[in-house]
Protein backbone atom coordinates (compact mmCIF):
# COMPACT_ATOMS: atom_id res chain seq x y z
CA GLN A 1 23.97 -92.83 -45.62
CA ILE A 2 22.24 -95.56 -43.58
CA PRO A 3 23.20 -99.03 -44.92
CA GLY A 4 20.49 -100.48 -47.15
CA ARG A 5 18.80 -97.11 -47.59
CA GLN A 6 19.12 -97.22 -51.37
CA GLU A 7 18.17 -100.86 -51.68
CA LYS A 8 14.78 -101.91 -52.99
CA GLY A 9 12.15 -102.15 -50.28
CA ALA A 10 9.82 -105.13 -49.81
CA PHE A 11 6.74 -103.17 -50.91
CA ILE A 12 8.44 -102.10 -54.13
CA LYS A 13 9.67 -105.64 -54.77
CA TRP A 14 6.06 -106.86 -54.76
CA PHE A 15 4.70 -104.33 -57.24
CA SER A 16 7.65 -103.15 -59.30
CA ASP A 17 10.81 -104.42 -60.92
CA SER A 18 12.24 -100.96 -61.37
CA GLY A 19 15.54 -101.22 -59.53
CA ASP A 20 16.62 -99.52 -56.33
CA GLN A 21 14.74 -96.71 -54.62
CA PRO A 22 15.73 -93.15 -55.50
CA TYR A 23 18.21 -91.50 -53.11
CA THR A 24 16.78 -89.10 -50.56
CA THR A 25 19.22 -87.19 -48.35
CA ASP A 26 18.77 -86.90 -44.59
CA TYR A 27 19.67 -83.15 -44.67
CA GLN A 28 17.62 -80.47 -46.37
CA PHE A 29 18.44 -76.78 -46.84
CA VAL A 30 15.90 -74.00 -47.44
CA LEU A 31 17.07 -70.66 -48.75
CA LYS A 32 15.06 -67.81 -47.18
CA ARG A 33 14.88 -64.34 -48.61
CA ASN A 34 15.83 -61.60 -46.15
CA LYS A 35 13.91 -58.46 -47.05
CA ASP A 36 14.67 -56.45 -43.89
CA VAL A 37 17.98 -54.98 -44.99
CA ARG A 38 18.97 -51.49 -43.86
CA VAL A 39 21.50 -49.48 -45.77
CA ASN A 40 22.97 -46.25 -44.38
CA LYS A 41 24.95 -43.92 -46.55
CA PHE A 42 26.90 -40.85 -45.50
CA TYR A 43 29.21 -38.36 -47.10
CA LEU A 44 32.48 -37.37 -45.43
CA ASN A 45 34.28 -34.32 -46.71
CA LEU A 46 37.90 -34.68 -45.64
CA SER A 47 38.72 -31.15 -46.75
CA ARG A 48 36.84 -29.71 -43.73
CA SER A 49 37.21 -30.21 -40.00
CA SER A 50 34.10 -31.36 -38.17
CA THR A 51 33.01 -33.20 -35.04
CA ILE A 52 31.35 -36.59 -35.11
CA LYS A 53 29.48 -37.44 -31.92
CA VAL A 54 29.80 -41.07 -30.95
CA PRO A 55 27.92 -42.43 -27.89
CA PHE A 56 30.40 -43.29 -25.17
CA PHE A 57 29.36 -44.74 -21.83
CA THR A 58 31.64 -43.79 -18.94
CA THR A 59 29.94 -45.79 -16.20
CA GLY A 60 31.78 -48.69 -14.76
CA ASN A 61 33.51 -50.08 -11.73
CA ILE A 62 36.51 -47.98 -10.71
CA ARG A 63 37.64 -50.37 -8.00
CA GLY A 64 40.76 -51.30 -9.91
CA PHE A 65 41.53 -47.66 -10.74
CA TYR A 66 41.08 -46.70 -7.09
CA GLY A 67 43.28 -49.56 -5.91
CA PHE A 68 46.10 -48.33 -8.12
CA HIS A 69 45.71 -44.55 -7.53
CA LYS A 70 44.21 -44.35 -4.04
CA ASP A 71 47.34 -42.66 -2.66
CA ASN A 72 47.51 -40.11 -5.46
CA ASP A 73 45.95 -36.79 -4.31
CA GLN A 74 45.43 -35.82 -7.91
CA TYR A 75 42.63 -38.38 -8.16
CA PHE A 76 41.46 -39.26 -4.64
CA ARG A 77 41.57 -37.35 -1.36
CA ILE A 78 39.46 -36.85 1.78
CA ILE A 79 37.71 -33.48 2.04
CA ASN A 80 35.74 -31.71 4.77
CA THR A 81 32.25 -30.84 3.50
CA ASP A 82 31.91 -28.23 6.27
CA GLU A 83 34.48 -26.05 4.56
CA PRO A 84 33.14 -22.77 3.09
CA THR A 85 33.60 -24.09 -0.43
CA PHE A 86 30.95 -26.77 0.07
CA GLN A 87 28.52 -24.99 2.41
CA LYS A 88 25.01 -23.87 1.47
CA ARG A 89 22.95 -21.21 3.17
CA GLN A 90 19.17 -21.43 3.52
CA VAL A 91 16.86 -18.42 3.52
CA ILE A 92 13.17 -18.69 4.49
CA PHE A 93 10.42 -16.39 3.18
CA GLN A 94 7.23 -16.65 5.23
CA LEU A 95 3.87 -14.98 4.70
CA ASP A 96 2.55 -13.00 7.66
CA GLY A 97 -0.19 -15.18 9.16
CA ASN A 98 -2.42 -12.13 9.66
CA PHE A 99 -2.94 -11.90 5.89
CA THR A 100 -3.46 -15.52 4.82
CA GLU A 101 -7.19 -15.07 4.15
CA ALA A 102 -6.41 -12.12 1.85
CA PHE A 103 -5.40 -14.62 -0.85
CA SER A 104 -8.96 -15.90 -1.09
CA GLU A 105 -10.33 -12.35 -1.31
CA ILE A 106 -8.03 -9.81 -2.99
CA LEU A 107 -4.63 -11.41 -3.77
CA ASN A 108 -3.52 -13.88 -6.45
CA PHE A 109 0.04 -14.58 -5.33
CA VAL A 110 3.24 -13.13 -3.93
CA LEU A 111 6.48 -13.62 -5.89
CA VAL A 112 9.97 -13.34 -4.42
CA SER A 113 12.94 -12.84 -6.75
CA PHE A 114 16.30 -13.68 -5.18
CA LYS A 115 19.85 -12.80 -6.23
CA LYS A 116 23.21 -13.63 -4.67
CA ASP A 117 26.28 -11.90 -6.09
CA TYR A 118 29.80 -13.26 -5.58
CA LYS A 119 32.88 -11.08 -5.32
CA ASN A 120 35.28 -13.89 -6.14
CA GLY A 121 34.43 -14.10 -9.83
CA GLN A 122 31.71 -16.72 -9.53
CA PRO A 123 28.49 -16.05 -11.52
CA ALA A 124 25.49 -14.75 -9.57
CA VAL A 125 22.80 -17.17 -8.32
CA THR A 126 19.21 -16.12 -9.11
CA LYS A 127 16.05 -17.92 -7.96
CA GLU A 128 12.31 -17.30 -7.57
CA ILE A 129 9.64 -18.63 -5.21
CA MET A 130 5.87 -18.05 -5.21
CA ILE A 131 3.11 -18.46 -2.61
CA ASN A 132 -0.52 -18.58 -3.77
CA ALA A 133 -3.96 -19.52 -2.42
CA GLN A 134 -3.47 -23.22 -3.21
CA ASP A 135 -0.30 -23.30 -1.12
CA LEU A 136 -2.17 -21.80 1.83
CA GLN A 137 -4.98 -24.33 1.45
CA GLU A 138 -2.35 -27.06 1.78
CA GLY A 139 -0.92 -25.40 4.88
CA ILE A 140 2.15 -23.99 3.13
CA ASN A 141 2.80 -20.39 4.21
CA LEU A 142 6.59 -20.37 3.85
CA LYS A 143 9.12 -21.46 1.26
CA GLU A 144 12.86 -21.96 1.46
CA LEU A 145 15.69 -21.47 -1.00
CA SER A 146 19.42 -22.01 -0.71
CA TYR A 147 22.59 -20.82 -2.38
CA PRO A 148 26.17 -22.21 -2.30
CA ALA A 149 28.96 -20.50 -0.40
CA LEU A 150 31.55 -21.09 -3.15
CA GLY A 151 34.38 -20.15 -0.82
CA LEU A 152 32.75 -17.09 0.77
CA SER A 153 32.44 -16.61 4.52
CA GLY A 154 31.33 -13.98 7.02
CA GLU A 155 29.47 -10.93 5.71
CA ASP A 156 30.30 -11.81 2.12
CA LEU A 157 28.40 -15.08 2.52
CA ILE A 158 25.24 -13.94 4.34
CA ASN A 159 24.54 -10.78 2.28
CA TYR A 160 21.98 -11.15 -0.53
CA ASN A 161 19.36 -9.21 -2.50
CA TYR A 162 15.67 -9.80 -3.13
CA ARG A 163 12.51 -8.26 -4.60
CA VAL A 164 8.87 -8.86 -3.67
CA SER A 165 5.91 -8.57 -6.07
CA TRP A 166 2.22 -8.73 -5.08
CA SER A 167 -0.50 -9.63 -7.59
CA PHE A 168 -4.00 -8.26 -6.87
CA LYS A 169 -7.13 -9.83 -8.29
CA GLY A 170 -8.46 -7.85 -11.23
CA ALA A 171 -5.19 -5.91 -11.66
CA GLN A 172 -2.97 -6.41 -14.69
CA LYS A 173 0.24 -5.24 -13.03
CA THR A 174 1.89 -6.39 -9.84
CA ILE A 175 3.02 -4.09 -7.04
CA SER A 176 6.77 -4.53 -6.61
CA PHE A 177 9.14 -3.51 -3.86
CA PRO A 178 11.30 -1.72 -4.76
CA ALA A 179 9.12 -0.13 -7.43
CA ASN A 180 12.16 0.48 -9.65
CA GLN A 181 12.87 -2.74 -11.54
CA ASP A 182 16.62 -2.04 -11.43
CA LEU A 183 16.77 -1.84 -7.63
CA TRP A 184 16.91 -4.62 -5.05
CA LEU A 185 16.34 -4.92 -1.32
CA GLU A 186 19.42 -5.91 0.70
CA SER A 187 19.38 -8.31 3.61
CA LYS A 188 21.47 -10.75 5.62
CA GLU A 189 18.61 -12.30 7.64
CA ALA A 190 17.97 -16.04 7.54
CA ALA A 191 14.17 -15.49 7.51
CA ILE A 192 12.15 -12.73 5.85
CA PRO A 193 8.46 -12.03 6.70
CA LEU A 194 6.27 -11.26 3.70
CA ILE A 195 3.89 -8.48 4.69
CA PRO A 196 1.44 -7.20 2.01
CA PRO A 197 1.54 -3.51 1.07
CA PHE A 198 -1.73 -2.69 2.84
CA ASP A 199 -3.34 -2.65 6.27
CA LYS A 200 -6.04 -4.89 7.65
CA LYS A 201 -8.88 -4.14 10.03
CA ILE A 202 -11.39 -6.57 11.57
CA ILE A 203 -14.81 -4.96 12.10
CA GLU A 204 -17.45 -6.46 14.38
CA ILE A 205 -21.02 -5.40 13.57
CA ASP A 206 -23.89 -5.74 16.03
CA ALA A 207 -27.51 -5.08 15.02
CA ASP A 208 -30.26 -6.09 17.43
CA ARG A 209 -32.99 -7.69 15.31
CA THR A 210 -35.71 -6.91 17.89
CA THR A 211 -35.31 -3.22 17.10
CA PHE A 212 -36.15 -3.95 13.45
CA VAL A 213 -39.72 -4.95 14.37
CA GLU A 214 -40.28 -1.86 16.43
CA ALA A 215 -39.01 0.40 13.64
CA GLY A 216 -40.87 -1.42 10.85
CA ILE A 217 -37.61 -2.42 9.14
CA LYS A 218 -37.29 -5.74 7.31
CA SER A 219 -33.61 -5.52 6.32
CA GLY A 220 -30.57 -3.32 6.02
CA THR A 221 -27.34 -3.22 4.06
CA ILE A 222 -23.96 -1.84 5.03
CA ARG A 223 -21.25 -1.01 2.50
CA PHE A 224 -17.61 -0.44 3.32
CA PHE A 225 -15.50 1.99 1.26
CA THR A 226 -11.72 1.66 1.13
CA ILE A 227 -8.75 2.78 -0.96
CA LEU A 228 -6.71 -0.22 -2.06
CA ASN A 229 -3.83 -0.21 -4.51
CA GLY A 230 -4.53 3.49 -4.97
CA GLU A 231 -8.11 2.89 -6.17
CA PRO A 232 -11.28 3.81 -4.19
CA GLN A 233 -13.72 0.93 -4.09
CA VAL A 234 -16.72 -0.62 -2.37
CA GLN A 235 -14.82 -3.51 -0.88
CA LYS A 236 -17.54 -5.40 0.95
CA SER A 237 -21.30 -5.34 1.45
CA LEU A 238 -23.27 -7.05 4.16
CA VAL A 239 -27.04 -7.69 4.35
CA PHE A 240 -28.80 -8.23 7.69
CA ARG A 241 -32.48 -9.16 8.02
CA ASP A 242 -35.01 -9.17 10.83
CA THR A 243 -35.16 -12.98 10.61
CA ASP A 244 -31.43 -13.60 11.04
CA PRO A 245 -30.70 -15.89 13.99
CA GLU A 246 -27.50 -14.06 14.90
CA ASN A 247 -27.11 -10.39 15.78
CA THR A 248 -23.33 -10.15 15.25
CA ASN A 249 -21.27 -10.26 12.05
CA THR A 250 -17.55 -9.87 11.41
CA VAL A 251 -15.78 -8.60 8.28
CA ALA A 252 -12.12 -8.07 7.35
CA LEU A 253 -11.22 -4.90 5.44
CA TYR A 254 -8.00 -4.20 3.51
CA PHE A 255 -6.81 -0.70 2.65
CA ASP A 256 -3.66 1.25 1.76
CA HIS A 257 -1.44 2.49 4.53
CA ASN A 258 -2.71 5.65 6.30
CA GLN A 259 -5.92 5.71 4.24
CA PRO A 260 -9.39 6.14 5.80
CA VAL A 261 -12.20 3.58 5.82
CA ALA A 262 -15.87 4.60 5.56
CA TYR A 263 -19.27 2.92 5.62
CA GLN A 264 -22.89 3.60 4.68
CA VAL A 265 -26.07 1.90 5.95
CA ASN A 266 -29.33 1.70 3.96
CA TRP A 267 -32.60 0.56 5.54
CA TYR A 268 -35.58 -1.10 3.86
CA GLN A 269 -39.05 -0.71 5.35
CA LYS A 270 -41.66 -3.49 5.56
CA LYS A 271 -44.74 -1.51 4.47
CA SER A 272 -43.20 0.36 1.54
CA ASP A 273 -40.47 0.18 -1.07
CA LYS A 274 -38.88 3.34 0.26
CA ILE A 275 -35.16 3.12 1.02
CA ILE A 276 -33.80 5.15 3.90
CA GLU A 277 -30.23 6.00 2.90
CA GLY A 278 -27.72 6.70 5.59
CA GLU A 279 -24.77 9.06 5.43
CA VAL A 280 -21.26 7.99 4.50
CA ILE A 281 -19.39 7.91 7.80
CA GLN A 282 -15.69 7.49 8.41
CA LEU A 283 -14.95 4.36 10.40
CA ASP A 284 -12.69 5.07 13.37
CA ASP A 285 -13.50 2.10 15.57
CA ASP A 286 -13.42 -1.69 15.23
CA PHE A 287 -16.99 -2.09 16.52
CA LEU A 288 -20.28 -0.90 15.03
CA TYR A 289 -23.66 -0.97 16.75
CA LEU A 290 -26.42 -0.36 14.21
CA LEU A 291 -29.83 0.99 15.14
CA PRO A 292 -32.60 1.37 12.51
CA PRO A 293 -34.13 4.84 12.10
CA SER A 294 -37.21 5.52 14.19
CA ASN A 295 -40.61 6.06 12.52
């Protein structure tokens, strides 16, 4: 206590004769109520064996451990990562550039299923890659996958299996090769071309518009018939008019292997609504020169 603290002050002496001032301590304590109290209860049955998971962090500096055991091959040793045990092999699957535009017309995607079996007791490695129209728009027409050697070398390392599935627009099922889901294609190549299960033909069509005026024709249509995925269809139609600035058009047709392609031309006259229907003709050439029928 500060000396004279409890003595009567001058102001009190003037107005009161009531003795010394009451004692007031320099230290005050406030008791606060703590309401945020968490209580956890658990039941442990010692008659049964169980596992209690406790978080354990294993990260840390092993400099001291290394300094003490650096010469012990059981813990530390120098290895060659070029050994077969640590090698990985890459395999590239690339879409044939002749069929890239088919993804914007008749295809959804191509899916490659990959499998690598090991004869040394290691479990098989299975992977999948897919190429679709968006990939091609971004300039991606190939994809790569890899698998570990796991001690294999030579023929045992480079041999693998794969399957290819093609999805057509409007079709519920994909066309797979091999068709049997239990079979796989075998290969050892480092790059595999992905070629769709159909053929492609580019047709150039020439129709001189000056002949339309002479024949009284205002327009014409040509339809192309193909067999794709085993189904006959009108694959593409093209309209050409007497006012078109260009005489030449080009179309790409897709059809099953060894299947014919046909076309039919219909003409529309200027002075009547009559349609002059042409015959269905098998297409044997890559160039068509169309002349309207004479009056």
